[in-house]
Amino acid sequence: MVKSELVDKLAEQYQEWAFKDVVFAVNEVINQMTQSLVDHGRVEFRGFGSFRPNWLGPRNAHNPKNGERVITTGKYRVRFRAAKALRDRVNANRHLPIKDGAKRRYDEE
């Protein structure tokens, strides 16, 4: 699901809201989450999961074109940890067939 699909579903579910108010609400939630992560905070949705910034220190790397060794600078990346309730709900559908185009871990014989 992408943001526009989320906005469409919410607008369909809450028809008493103006469409521009739904767009504003979704954007505001995303902006508040982003600002919390920028401030090195944690964002948690009970039953869904949590987001947190994670520091990755400098590391040794190489330029694949010329093989030159370089040391990268450290950076933050956002880590997501799914809640147990979400993992359980996703794994409850293991019996469903794999969609066309989905990557398969092992070839079925």
N, C-alpha and C. Protein backbone atom coordinates (compact mmCIF):
# COMPACT_ATOMS: atom_id res chain seq x y z
N MET A 1 0.84 -1.17 0.00
CA MET A 1 0.00 0.00 0.00
C MET A 1 0.89 1.23 0.00
N VAL A 2 0.53 2.19 -0.82
CA VAL A 2 1.24 3.46 -0.86
C VAL A 2 0.35 4.52 -0.21
N LYS A 3 0.92 5.70 0.01
CA LYS A 3 0.21 6.74 0.75
C LYS A 3 -1.10 7.12 0.08
N SER A 4 -1.13 7.21 -1.24
CA SER A 4 -2.37 7.60 -1.93
C SER A 4 -3.46 6.55 -1.73
N GLU A 5 -3.08 5.26 -1.68
CA GLU A 5 -4.07 4.22 -1.41
C GLU A 5 -4.60 4.32 0.01
N LEU A 6 -3.74 4.64 0.96
CA LEU A 6 -4.17 4.83 2.34
C LEU A 6 -5.16 5.99 2.43
N VAL A 7 -4.84 7.09 1.78
CA VAL A 7 -5.74 8.26 1.78
C VAL A 7 -7.08 7.89 1.17
N ASP A 8 -7.07 7.17 0.05
CA ASP A 8 -8.32 6.77 -0.60
C ASP A 8 -9.16 5.87 0.30
N LYS A 9 -8.53 4.91 0.97
CA LYS A 9 -9.27 4.00 1.86
C LYS A 9 -9.87 4.76 3.03
N LEU A 10 -9.10 5.67 3.61
CA LEU A 10 -9.62 6.45 4.73
C LEU A 10 -10.75 7.37 4.29
N ALA A 11 -10.59 7.99 3.13
CA ALA A 11 -11.64 8.87 2.61
C ALA A 11 -12.92 8.09 2.33
N GLU A 12 -12.78 6.86 1.87
CA GLU A 12 -13.95 6.01 1.61
C GLU A 12 -14.61 5.58 2.91
N GLN A 13 -13.80 5.27 3.92
CA GLN A 13 -14.32 4.81 5.20
C GLN A 13 -14.95 5.95 6.00
N TYR A 14 -14.40 7.15 5.92
CA TYR A 14 -14.89 8.30 6.67
C TYR A 14 -15.42 9.34 5.69
N GLN A 15 -16.54 9.06 5.09
CA GLN A 15 -17.10 9.94 4.06
C GLN A 15 -17.58 11.27 4.61
N GLU A 16 -17.77 11.35 5.92
CA GLU A 16 -18.18 12.63 6.51
C GLU A 16 -17.02 13.62 6.57
N TRP A 17 -15.79 13.17 6.36
CA TRP A 17 -14.63 14.05 6.34
C TRP A 17 -14.40 14.54 4.92
N ALA A 18 -13.95 15.76 4.80
CA ALA A 18 -13.56 16.27 3.49
C ALA A 18 -12.27 15.57 3.05
N PHE A 19 -12.13 15.34 1.76
CA PHE A 19 -10.96 14.63 1.25
C PHE A 19 -9.67 15.36 1.62
N LYS A 20 -9.68 16.69 1.54
CA LYS A 20 -8.47 17.44 1.87
C LYS A 20 -8.12 17.31 3.35
N ASP A 21 -9.13 17.07 4.22
CA ASP A 21 -8.84 16.85 5.64
C ASP A 21 -8.19 15.50 5.87
N VAL A 22 -8.59 14.49 5.10
CA VAL A 22 -7.96 13.17 5.19
C VAL A 22 -6.50 13.27 4.75
N VAL A 23 -6.26 13.96 3.64
CA VAL A 23 -4.89 14.14 3.14
C VAL A 23 -4.06 14.87 4.19
N PHE A 24 -4.62 15.93 4.79
CA PHE A 24 -3.91 16.68 5.82
C PHE A 24 -3.59 15.79 7.01
N ALA A 25 -4.54 14.97 7.46
CA ALA A 25 -4.34 14.12 8.62
C ALA A 25 -3.22 13.10 8.37
N VAL A 26 -3.24 12.45 7.22
CA VAL A 26 -2.21 11.47 6.89
C VAL A 26 -0.84 12.15 6.82
N ASN A 27 -0.77 13.29 6.15
CA ASN A 27 0.51 14.02 6.06
C ASN A 27 1.00 14.47 7.43
N GLU A 28 0.09 14.90 8.29
CA GLU A 28 0.48 15.37 9.62
C GLU A 28 1.01 14.23 10.47
N VAL A 29 0.41 13.06 10.39
CA VAL A 29 0.91 11.90 11.14
C VAL A 29 2.31 11.54 10.66
N ILE A 30 2.51 11.52 9.35
CA ILE A 30 3.83 11.20 8.80
C ILE A 30 4.86 12.26 9.21
N ASN A 31 4.46 13.53 9.18
CA ASN A 31 5.38 14.60 9.58
C ASN A 31 5.77 14.49 11.05
N GLN A 32 4.82 14.16 11.92
CA GLN A 32 5.11 14.03 13.35
C GLN A 32 6.02 12.82 13.60
N MET A 33 5.78 11.72 12.90
CA MET A 33 6.65 10.55 13.03
C MET A 33 8.07 10.90 12.58
N THR A 34 8.17 11.58 11.45
CA THR A 34 9.48 11.97 10.91
C THR A 34 10.22 12.87 11.88
N GLN A 35 9.52 13.85 12.45
CA GLN A 35 10.18 14.77 13.37
C GLN A 35 10.65 14.05 14.62
N SER A 36 9.88 13.10 15.11
CA SER A 36 10.30 12.33 16.28
C SER A 36 11.57 11.54 15.98
N LEU A 37 11.66 10.94 14.80
CA LEU A 37 12.86 10.19 14.42
C LEU A 37 14.05 11.11 14.20
N VAL A 38 13.81 12.31 13.65
CA VAL A 38 14.88 13.29 13.47
C VAL A 38 15.46 13.70 14.82
N ASP A 39 14.59 13.80 15.83
CA ASP A 39 15.01 14.17 17.18
C ASP A 39 15.55 12.97 17.96
N HIS A 40 15.84 11.87 17.25
CA HIS A 40 16.38 10.63 17.83
C HIS A 40 15.41 9.99 18.81
N GLY A 41 14.12 10.19 18.57
CA GLY A 41 13.10 9.55 19.38
C GLY A 41 12.66 8.23 18.78
N ARG A 42 11.70 7.62 19.40
CA ARG A 42 11.18 6.32 18.97
C ARG A 42 9.71 6.50 18.68
N VAL A 43 9.22 5.84 17.65
CA VAL A 43 7.80 5.88 17.29
C VAL A 43 7.26 4.48 17.45
N GLU A 44 6.20 4.34 18.26
CA GLU A 44 5.65 3.01 18.52
C GLU A 44 4.15 3.00 18.31
N PHE A 45 3.69 1.99 17.59
CA PHE A 45 2.27 1.73 17.41
C PHE A 45 1.99 0.37 18.01
N ARG A 46 1.29 0.33 19.14
CA ARG A 46 1.02 -0.94 19.81
C ARG A 46 0.28 -1.87 18.87
N GLY A 47 0.73 -3.10 18.79
CA GLY A 47 0.13 -4.09 17.93
C GLY A 47 0.62 -4.03 16.49
N PHE A 48 1.38 -3.00 16.13
CA PHE A 48 1.92 -2.89 14.77
C PHE A 48 3.43 -3.00 14.78
N GLY A 49 4.10 -2.11 15.52
CA GLY A 49 5.55 -2.16 15.59
C GLY A 49 6.14 -0.83 16.00
N SER A 50 7.45 -0.75 15.96
CA SER A 50 8.12 0.48 16.37
C SER A 50 9.24 0.82 15.39
N PHE A 51 9.50 2.12 15.28
CA PHE A 51 10.57 2.66 14.45
C PHE A 51 11.54 3.35 15.39
N ARG A 52 12.84 3.22 15.09
CA ARG A 52 13.84 3.93 15.89
C ARG A 52 15.06 4.20 15.02
N PRO A 53 15.75 5.30 15.29
CA PRO A 53 16.99 5.56 14.55
C PRO A 53 18.10 4.65 15.07
N ASN A 54 18.93 4.17 14.18
CA ASN A 54 20.03 3.28 14.53
C ASN A 54 21.31 3.82 13.91
N TRP A 55 22.35 4.01 14.73
CA TRP A 55 23.61 4.56 14.25
C TRP A 55 24.44 3.46 13.61
N LEU A 56 24.91 3.73 12.41
CA LEU A 56 25.86 2.86 11.73
C LEU A 56 27.17 3.61 11.65
N GLY A 57 28.17 3.10 12.28
CA GLY A 57 29.47 3.77 12.31
C GLY A 57 30.19 3.70 10.98
N PRO A 58 31.31 4.39 10.88
CA PRO A 58 32.10 4.33 9.65
C PRO A 58 32.56 2.89 9.39
N ARG A 59 32.72 2.55 8.12
CA ARG A 59 33.17 1.20 7.79
C ARG A 59 34.12 1.25 6.60
N ASN A 60 34.88 0.20 6.44
CA ASN A 60 35.77 0.07 5.29
C ASN A 60 34.96 -0.41 4.10
N ALA A 61 35.13 0.24 2.97
CA ALA A 61 34.43 -0.15 1.75
C ALA A 61 35.40 -0.01 0.59
N HIS A 62 34.92 -0.29 -0.61
CA HIS A 62 35.78 -0.11 -1.77
C HIS A 62 34.94 0.36 -2.95
N ASN A 63 35.60 1.07 -3.84
CA ASN A 63 34.97 1.52 -5.07
C ASN A 63 35.03 0.36 -6.05
N PRO A 64 33.89 -0.17 -6.50
CA PRO A 64 33.93 -1.34 -7.39
C PRO A 64 34.52 -1.05 -8.76
N LYS A 65 34.53 0.21 -9.19
CA LYS A 65 35.09 0.53 -10.52
C LYS A 65 36.60 0.38 -10.55
N ASN A 66 37.25 0.93 -9.50
CA ASN A 66 38.71 0.90 -9.53
C ASN A 66 39.33 0.14 -8.36
N GLY A 67 38.52 -0.39 -7.47
CA GLY A 67 39.02 -1.17 -6.35
C GLY A 67 39.63 -0.36 -5.23
N GLU A 68 39.56 0.96 -5.32
CA GLU A 68 40.15 1.83 -4.30
C GLU A 68 39.41 1.66 -2.97
N ARG A 69 40.17 1.58 -1.88
CA ARG A 69 39.60 1.46 -0.54
C ARG A 69 39.19 2.84 -0.04
N VAL A 70 38.00 2.91 0.56
CA VAL A 70 37.51 4.15 1.14
C VAL A 70 36.91 3.85 2.51
N ILE A 71 36.87 4.83 3.37
CA ILE A 71 36.20 4.70 4.66
C ILE A 71 34.95 5.57 4.59
N THR A 72 33.81 4.94 4.77
CA THR A 72 32.54 5.68 4.69
C THR A 72 32.32 6.45 5.98
N THR A 73 31.50 7.47 5.91
CA THR A 73 31.14 8.22 7.10
C THR A 73 30.00 7.50 7.81
N GLY A 74 29.88 7.72 9.10
CA GLY A 74 28.78 7.13 9.86
C GLY A 74 27.47 7.79 9.49
N LYS A 75 26.38 7.08 9.73
CA LYS A 75 25.06 7.63 9.42
C LYS A 75 24.01 6.93 10.26
N TYR A 76 22.85 7.54 10.32
CA TYR A 76 21.70 6.92 10.96
C TYR A 76 20.81 6.28 9.91
N ARG A 77 20.17 5.20 10.27
CA ARG A 77 19.11 4.65 9.43
C ARG A 77 17.96 4.28 10.35
N VAL A 78 16.79 4.19 9.79
CA VAL A 78 15.60 3.88 10.59
C VAL A 78 15.38 2.38 10.59
N ARG A 79 15.25 1.83 11.77
CA ARG A 79 14.98 0.40 11.93
C ARG A 79 13.52 0.22 12.33
N PHE A 80 12.90 -0.81 11.78
CA PHE A 80 11.52 -1.15 12.13
C PHE A 80 11.51 -2.53 12.75
N ARG A 81 10.81 -2.65 13.85
CA ARG A 81 10.62 -3.95 14.48
C ARG A 81 9.12 -4.20 14.58
N ALA A 82 8.67 -5.25 13.93
CA ALA A 82 7.25 -5.59 13.92
C ALA A 82 6.83 -6.11 15.29
N ALA A 83 5.63 -5.73 15.72
CA ALA A 83 5.09 -6.23 16.98
C ALA A 83 4.70 -7.69 16.82
N LYS A 84 4.65 -8.40 17.93
CA LYS A 84 4.30 -9.82 17.90
C LYS A 84 2.91 -10.03 17.30
N ALA A 85 1.97 -9.15 17.62
CA ALA A 85 0.62 -9.28 17.08
C ALA A 85 0.62 -9.20 15.55
N LEU A 86 1.43 -8.30 14.99
CA LEU A 86 1.53 -8.18 13.54
C LEU A 86 2.18 -9.41 12.93
N ARG A 87 3.26 -9.87 13.54
CA ARG A 87 3.94 -11.07 13.02
C ARG A 87 2.99 -12.27 13.04
N ASP A 88 2.23 -12.40 14.12
CA ASP A 88 1.29 -13.52 14.22
C ASP A 88 0.20 -13.45 13.15
N ARG A 89 -0.32 -12.25 12.90
CA ARG A 89 -1.37 -12.11 11.88
C ARG A 89 -0.83 -12.38 10.48
N VAL A 90 0.39 -11.94 10.20
CA VAL A 90 0.98 -12.19 8.89
C VAL A 90 1.24 -13.69 8.71
N ASN A 91 1.77 -14.33 9.73
CA ASN A 91 2.07 -15.76 9.64
C ASN A 91 0.84 -16.63 9.67
N ALA A 92 -0.30 -16.10 10.09
CA ALA A 92 -1.54 -16.88 10.10
C ALA A 92 -2.00 -17.19 8.68
N ASN A 93 -1.53 -16.43 7.70
CA ASN A 93 -1.94 -16.62 6.30
C ASN A 93 -0.91 -17.41 5.50
N ARG A 94 -0.11 -18.22 6.16
CA ARG A 94 0.90 -19.00 5.45
C ARG A 94 0.30 -20.00 4.48
N HIS A 95 -0.94 -20.36 4.69
CA HIS A 95 -1.56 -21.36 3.83
C HIS A 95 -2.00 -20.79 2.49
N LEU A 96 -2.00 -19.47 2.34
CA LEU A 96 -2.41 -18.85 1.09
C LEU A 96 -1.37 -19.10 0.00
N PRO A 97 -1.79 -19.23 -1.25
CA PRO A 97 -0.82 -19.44 -2.32
C PRO A 97 0.04 -18.21 -2.53
N ILE A 98 1.27 -18.41 -3.03
CA ILE A 98 2.19 -17.31 -3.31
C ILE A 98 1.71 -16.58 -4.55
N LYS A 99 1.68 -15.25 -4.49
CA LYS A 99 1.23 -14.45 -5.62
C LYS A 99 2.22 -14.55 -6.77
N ASP A 100 1.70 -14.41 -8.00
CA ASP A 100 2.57 -14.41 -9.17
C ASP A 100 3.54 -13.24 -9.08
N GLY A 101 4.76 -13.48 -9.44
CA GLY A 101 5.77 -12.42 -9.41
C GLY A 101 6.49 -12.31 -8.07
N ALA A 102 6.02 -13.02 -7.05
CA ALA A 102 6.67 -12.96 -5.75
C ALA A 102 7.95 -13.80 -5.79
N LYS A 103 8.95 -13.35 -5.07
CA LYS A 103 10.19 -14.10 -5.03
C LYS A 103 10.00 -15.35 -4.16
N ARG A 104 10.53 -16.45 -4.62
CA ARG A 104 10.45 -17.69 -3.87
C ARG A 104 11.84 -18.01 -3.34
N ARG A 105 11.89 -18.46 -2.10
CA ARG A 105 13.17 -18.75 -1.49
C ARG A 105 13.78 -20.01 -2.10
N TYR A 106 12.97 -21.03 -2.31
CA TYR A 106 13.45 -22.29 -2.88
C TYR A 106 12.58 -22.66 -4.06
N ASP A 107 13.17 -23.30 -5.04
CA ASP A 107 12.38 -23.78 -6.18
C ASP A 107 11.52 -24.95 -5.73
N GLU A 108 10.27 -24.90 -6.14
CA GLU A 108 9.38 -26.01 -5.81
C GLU A 108 9.54 -27.09 -6.87
N GLU A 109 9.61 -28.31 -6.44
CA GLU A 109 9.78 -29.40 -7.38
C GLU A 109 8.58 -30.31 -7.37
